[in-house]
């Protein structure tokens, strides 16, 4: 199970594989994933969502819970594109 803000939600990213959720799924070899992340979520929202889900496990109890704590002042860049010999991005 993952909880967090837009950075953990798959729809936020131009390529879903950039999402923390996707990267975590691949790293642990998970087959099933419950993603309760959504854009605009806050630390208290994550806590409320987790508490609600654990009282109402509509998809079953998770084996593992990953919480990406939202923080309004963060900045994140996606994976870098390869650089050419002159340093220009996108060159192969």
N, C-alpha and C. Protein backbone atom coordinates (compact mmCIF):
# COMPACT_ATOMS: atom_id res chain seq x y z
N UNK A 1 0.84 -1.17 0.00
CA UNK A 1 0.00 0.00 0.00
C UNK A 1 0.89 1.24 0.00
N UNK A 2 0.53 2.21 -0.80
CA UNK A 2 1.25 3.49 -0.78
C UNK A 2 0.27 4.60 -0.47
N UNK A 3 0.75 5.58 0.27
CA UNK A 3 -0.01 6.78 0.60
C UNK A 3 0.90 7.97 0.39
N UNK A 4 0.34 9.07 -0.04
CA UNK A 4 1.13 10.27 -0.22
C UNK A 4 0.36 11.29 -1.04
N UNK A 5 1.10 12.17 -1.67
CA UNK A 5 0.49 13.23 -2.49
C UNK A 5 0.68 12.87 -3.96
N UNK A 6 0.63 13.89 -4.81
CA UNK A 6 0.68 13.65 -6.25
C UNK A 6 1.96 12.95 -6.70
N UNK A 7 3.06 13.12 -5.99
CA UNK A 7 4.31 12.49 -6.42
C UNK A 7 4.26 10.97 -6.30
N UNK A 8 3.38 10.46 -5.46
CA UNK A 8 3.20 9.01 -5.36
C UNK A 8 2.05 8.51 -6.22
N UNK A 9 1.24 9.42 -6.73
CA UNK A 9 0.12 9.04 -7.58
C UNK A 9 0.62 8.87 -9.01
N UNK A 10 0.22 7.81 -9.63
CA UNK A 10 0.73 7.48 -10.96
C UNK A 10 0.33 8.50 -12.01
N UNK A 11 -0.89 9.05 -11.94
CA UNK A 11 -1.37 9.96 -12.98
C UNK A 11 -0.61 11.28 -13.04
N UNK A 12 0.11 11.66 -11.98
CA UNK A 12 0.81 12.94 -11.93
C UNK A 12 1.97 13.02 -12.91
N UNK A 13 2.60 11.91 -13.20
CA UNK A 13 3.84 11.87 -13.96
C UNK A 13 3.61 11.66 -15.44
N UNK A 14 4.40 12.31 -16.29
CA UNK A 14 4.29 12.07 -17.74
C UNK A 14 4.50 10.60 -18.09
N UNK A 15 5.35 9.94 -17.35
CA UNK A 15 5.58 8.50 -17.50
C UNK A 15 5.32 7.87 -16.13
N UNK A 16 4.31 7.01 -16.00
CA UNK A 16 3.97 6.43 -14.70
C UNK A 16 5.16 5.76 -14.00
N UNK A 17 6.15 5.32 -14.75
CA UNK A 17 7.31 4.65 -14.14
C UNK A 17 8.17 5.60 -13.33
N UNK A 18 7.91 6.93 -13.38
CA UNK A 18 8.65 7.90 -12.57
C UNK A 18 8.06 8.03 -11.17
N UNK A 19 6.87 7.49 -10.96
CA UNK A 19 6.19 7.59 -9.68
C UNK A 19 6.91 6.78 -8.61
N UNK A 20 6.95 7.31 -7.39
CA UNK A 20 7.50 6.53 -6.27
C UNK A 20 6.77 5.20 -6.15
N UNK A 21 5.47 5.23 -6.42
CA UNK A 21 4.65 4.03 -6.31
C UNK A 21 5.14 2.95 -7.27
N UNK A 22 5.36 3.32 -8.52
CA UNK A 22 5.83 2.35 -9.52
C UNK A 22 7.23 1.86 -9.18
N UNK A 23 8.11 2.78 -8.80
CA UNK A 23 9.48 2.40 -8.46
C UNK A 23 9.51 1.43 -7.28
N UNK A 24 8.68 1.69 -6.28
CA UNK A 24 8.60 0.79 -5.13
C UNK A 24 8.05 -0.57 -5.53
N UNK A 25 6.99 -0.57 -6.33
CA UNK A 25 6.40 -1.83 -6.81
C UNK A 25 7.45 -2.69 -7.52
N UNK A 26 8.22 -2.06 -8.38
CA UNK A 26 9.26 -2.79 -9.10
C UNK A 26 10.38 -3.25 -8.16
N UNK A 27 10.79 -2.41 -7.22
CA UNK A 27 11.89 -2.75 -6.31
C UNK A 27 11.58 -3.94 -5.43
N UNK A 28 10.34 -4.05 -4.98
CA UNK A 28 9.99 -5.16 -4.08
C UNK A 28 9.34 -6.33 -4.81
N UNK A 29 9.13 -6.17 -6.11
CA UNK A 29 8.54 -7.26 -6.89
C UNK A 29 7.08 -7.52 -6.56
N UNK A 30 6.35 -6.47 -6.19
CA UNK A 30 4.95 -6.64 -5.82
C UNK A 30 4.08 -6.91 -7.04
N UNK A 31 3.07 -7.74 -6.83
CA UNK A 31 2.11 -8.01 -7.89
C UNK A 31 0.86 -7.16 -7.71
N UNK A 32 0.43 -6.98 -6.47
CA UNK A 32 -0.77 -6.21 -6.16
C UNK A 32 -0.39 -4.96 -5.40
N UNK A 33 -1.05 -3.87 -5.72
CA UNK A 33 -0.71 -2.60 -5.11
C UNK A 33 -1.98 -1.82 -4.83
N UNK A 34 -2.09 -1.29 -3.63
CA UNK A 34 -3.17 -0.38 -3.27
C UNK A 34 -2.54 1.00 -3.18
N UNK A 35 -2.96 1.91 -4.04
CA UNK A 35 -2.40 3.26 -4.05
C UNK A 35 -3.48 4.23 -3.59
N UNK A 36 -3.31 4.79 -2.39
CA UNK A 36 -4.27 5.74 -1.84
C UNK A 36 -3.71 7.17 -1.89
N UNK A 37 -2.77 7.41 -2.76
CA UNK A 37 -2.18 8.74 -2.91
C UNK A 37 -3.07 9.61 -3.78
N UNK A 38 -3.05 10.91 -3.52
CA UNK A 38 -3.77 11.84 -4.38
C UNK A 38 -3.17 13.23 -4.27
N UNK A 39 -3.28 13.99 -5.33
CA UNK A 39 -2.72 15.33 -5.38
C UNK A 39 -3.33 16.23 -4.31
N UNK A 40 -2.50 17.02 -3.67
CA UNK A 40 -2.95 17.94 -2.64
C UNK A 40 -3.05 17.33 -1.26
N UNK A 41 -2.68 16.08 -1.12
CA UNK A 41 -2.75 15.43 0.20
C UNK A 41 -1.73 16.08 1.14
N UNK A 42 -1.96 15.95 2.42
CA UNK A 42 -1.11 16.54 3.45
C UNK A 42 -0.68 15.45 4.42
N UNK A 43 0.28 15.73 5.31
CA UNK A 43 0.65 14.72 6.31
C UNK A 43 -0.55 14.26 7.14
N UNK A 44 -1.40 15.18 7.55
CA UNK A 44 -2.57 14.77 8.34
C UNK A 44 -3.57 14.00 7.48
N UNK A 45 -3.65 14.36 6.19
CA UNK A 45 -4.52 13.61 5.28
C UNK A 45 -4.05 12.18 5.10
N UNK A 46 -2.74 11.99 5.02
CA UNK A 46 -2.18 10.64 4.90
C UNK A 46 -2.53 9.83 6.15
N UNK A 47 -2.38 10.44 7.31
CA UNK A 47 -2.70 9.75 8.56
C UNK A 47 -4.16 9.36 8.61
N UNK A 48 -5.05 10.29 8.23
CA UNK A 48 -6.49 9.98 8.24
C UNK A 48 -6.82 8.88 7.25
N UNK A 49 -6.23 8.93 6.05
CA UNK A 49 -6.51 7.92 5.04
C UNK A 49 -6.04 6.54 5.49
N UNK A 50 -4.85 6.46 6.08
CA UNK A 50 -4.34 5.19 6.58
C UNK A 50 -5.21 4.65 7.70
N UNK A 51 -5.57 5.51 8.63
CA UNK A 51 -6.42 5.09 9.74
C UNK A 51 -7.77 4.58 9.23
N UNK A 52 -8.36 5.30 8.27
CA UNK A 52 -9.63 4.87 7.69
C UNK A 52 -9.50 3.51 7.01
N UNK A 53 -8.46 3.36 6.18
CA UNK A 53 -8.32 2.11 5.44
C UNK A 53 -8.11 0.92 6.38
N UNK A 54 -7.29 1.09 7.41
CA UNK A 54 -7.03 -0.03 8.32
C UNK A 54 -8.29 -0.44 9.09
N UNK A 55 -9.22 0.47 9.25
CA UNK A 55 -10.51 0.12 9.87
C UNK A 55 -11.48 -0.46 8.86
N UNK A 56 -11.27 -0.20 7.57
CA UNK A 56 -12.17 -0.64 6.49
C UNK A 56 -11.35 -1.22 5.34
N UNK A 57 -10.68 -2.34 5.55
CA UNK A 57 -9.77 -2.88 4.52
C UNK A 57 -10.52 -3.51 3.34
N UNK A 58 -11.09 -2.68 2.48
CA UNK A 58 -11.94 -3.16 1.40
C UNK A 58 -11.19 -4.05 0.40
N UNK A 59 -9.89 -3.92 0.29
CA UNK A 59 -9.10 -4.77 -0.61
C UNK A 59 -8.18 -5.71 0.17
N UNK A 60 -8.42 -5.87 1.46
CA UNK A 60 -7.59 -6.73 2.29
C UNK A 60 -6.51 -5.93 3.00
N UNK A 61 -5.93 -6.54 4.02
CA UNK A 61 -4.88 -5.88 4.79
C UNK A 61 -3.57 -5.91 4.00
N UNK A 62 -2.87 -4.77 3.97
CA UNK A 62 -1.62 -4.72 3.21
C UNK A 62 -0.50 -5.49 3.91
N UNK A 63 0.40 -6.04 3.11
CA UNK A 63 1.60 -6.70 3.64
C UNK A 63 2.67 -5.67 3.99
N UNK A 64 2.61 -4.54 3.31
CA UNK A 64 3.64 -3.52 3.46
C UNK A 64 2.98 -2.16 3.22
N UNK A 65 3.36 -1.15 4.01
CA UNK A 65 2.81 0.20 3.84
C UNK A 65 3.97 1.16 3.62
N UNK A 66 3.91 1.93 2.53
CA UNK A 66 4.91 2.94 2.23
C UNK A 66 4.20 4.29 2.29
N UNK A 67 4.72 5.19 3.11
CA UNK A 67 4.14 6.52 3.23
C UNK A 67 5.14 7.54 2.70
N UNK A 68 4.75 8.25 1.66
CA UNK A 68 5.52 9.37 1.14
C UNK A 68 4.91 10.59 1.79
N UNK A 69 5.62 11.16 2.77
CA UNK A 69 5.06 12.27 3.54
C UNK A 69 5.08 13.54 2.69
N UNK A 70 3.91 14.10 2.41
CA UNK A 70 3.86 15.32 1.61
C UNK A 70 4.55 16.49 2.32
N UNK A 71 5.20 17.32 1.54
CA UNK A 71 5.88 18.50 2.07
C UNK A 71 5.78 19.57 1.00
N UNK A 72 5.16 20.68 1.31
CA UNK A 72 4.84 21.70 0.32
C UNK A 72 6.02 22.40 -0.31
N UNK A 73 7.18 22.40 0.31
CA UNK A 73 8.32 23.14 -0.23
C UNK A 73 9.32 22.27 -0.98
N UNK A 74 8.98 21.02 -1.21
CA UNK A 74 9.92 20.13 -1.88
C UNK A 74 9.98 20.42 -3.37
N UNK A 75 11.04 19.98 -3.98
CA UNK A 75 11.19 20.03 -5.44
C UNK A 75 11.76 18.69 -5.87
N UNK A 76 11.31 18.22 -6.99
CA UNK A 76 11.80 16.93 -7.47
C UNK A 76 11.93 16.98 -8.98
N UNK A 77 12.98 16.43 -9.46
CA UNK A 77 13.18 16.30 -10.90
C UNK A 77 12.99 14.83 -11.26
N UNK A 78 12.47 14.60 -12.45
CA UNK A 78 12.32 13.24 -12.93
C UNK A 78 13.66 12.67 -13.35
N UNK A 79 13.66 11.46 -13.83
CA UNK A 79 14.92 10.85 -14.30
C UNK A 79 15.57 11.72 -15.38
N UNK A 80 16.86 11.84 -15.33
CA UNK A 80 17.59 12.66 -16.31
C UNK A 80 17.71 11.94 -17.64
N UNK A 81 17.64 12.72 -18.68
CA UNK A 81 17.84 12.17 -20.02
C UNK A 81 19.34 12.07 -20.28
N UNK A 82 19.76 11.13 -21.10
CA UNK A 82 21.19 11.00 -21.40
C UNK A 82 21.75 12.28 -22.01
N UNK A 83 22.99 12.58 -21.70
CA UNK A 83 23.64 13.76 -22.26
C UNK A 83 24.67 13.35 -23.29
N UNK A 84 24.80 14.19 -24.30
CA UNK A 84 25.79 13.96 -25.35
C UNK A 84 27.16 14.42 -24.92
N UNK A 85 28.16 14.28 -25.78
CA UNK A 85 29.54 14.64 -25.44
C UNK A 85 29.69 16.11 -25.09
N UNK A 86 28.83 16.99 -25.63
CA UNK A 86 28.91 18.41 -25.33
C UNK A 86 28.05 18.82 -24.14
N UNK A 87 27.39 17.85 -23.49
CA UNK A 87 26.58 18.14 -22.33
C UNK A 87 25.12 18.44 -22.64
N UNK A 88 24.73 18.43 -23.92
CA UNK A 88 23.34 18.74 -24.26
C UNK A 88 22.45 17.55 -23.93
N UNK A 89 21.28 17.85 -23.37
CA UNK A 89 20.36 16.78 -23.02
C UNK A 89 19.74 16.18 -24.27
N UNK A 90 19.38 14.93 -24.16
CA UNK A 90 18.66 14.26 -25.23
C UNK A 90 19.56 13.62 -26.27
N UNK A 91 20.84 13.89 -26.22
CA UNK A 91 21.75 13.28 -27.20
C UNK A 91 22.05 11.84 -26.79
N UNK A 92 22.15 11.00 -27.74
CA UNK A 92 22.42 9.59 -27.41
C UNK A 92 23.90 9.31 -27.35
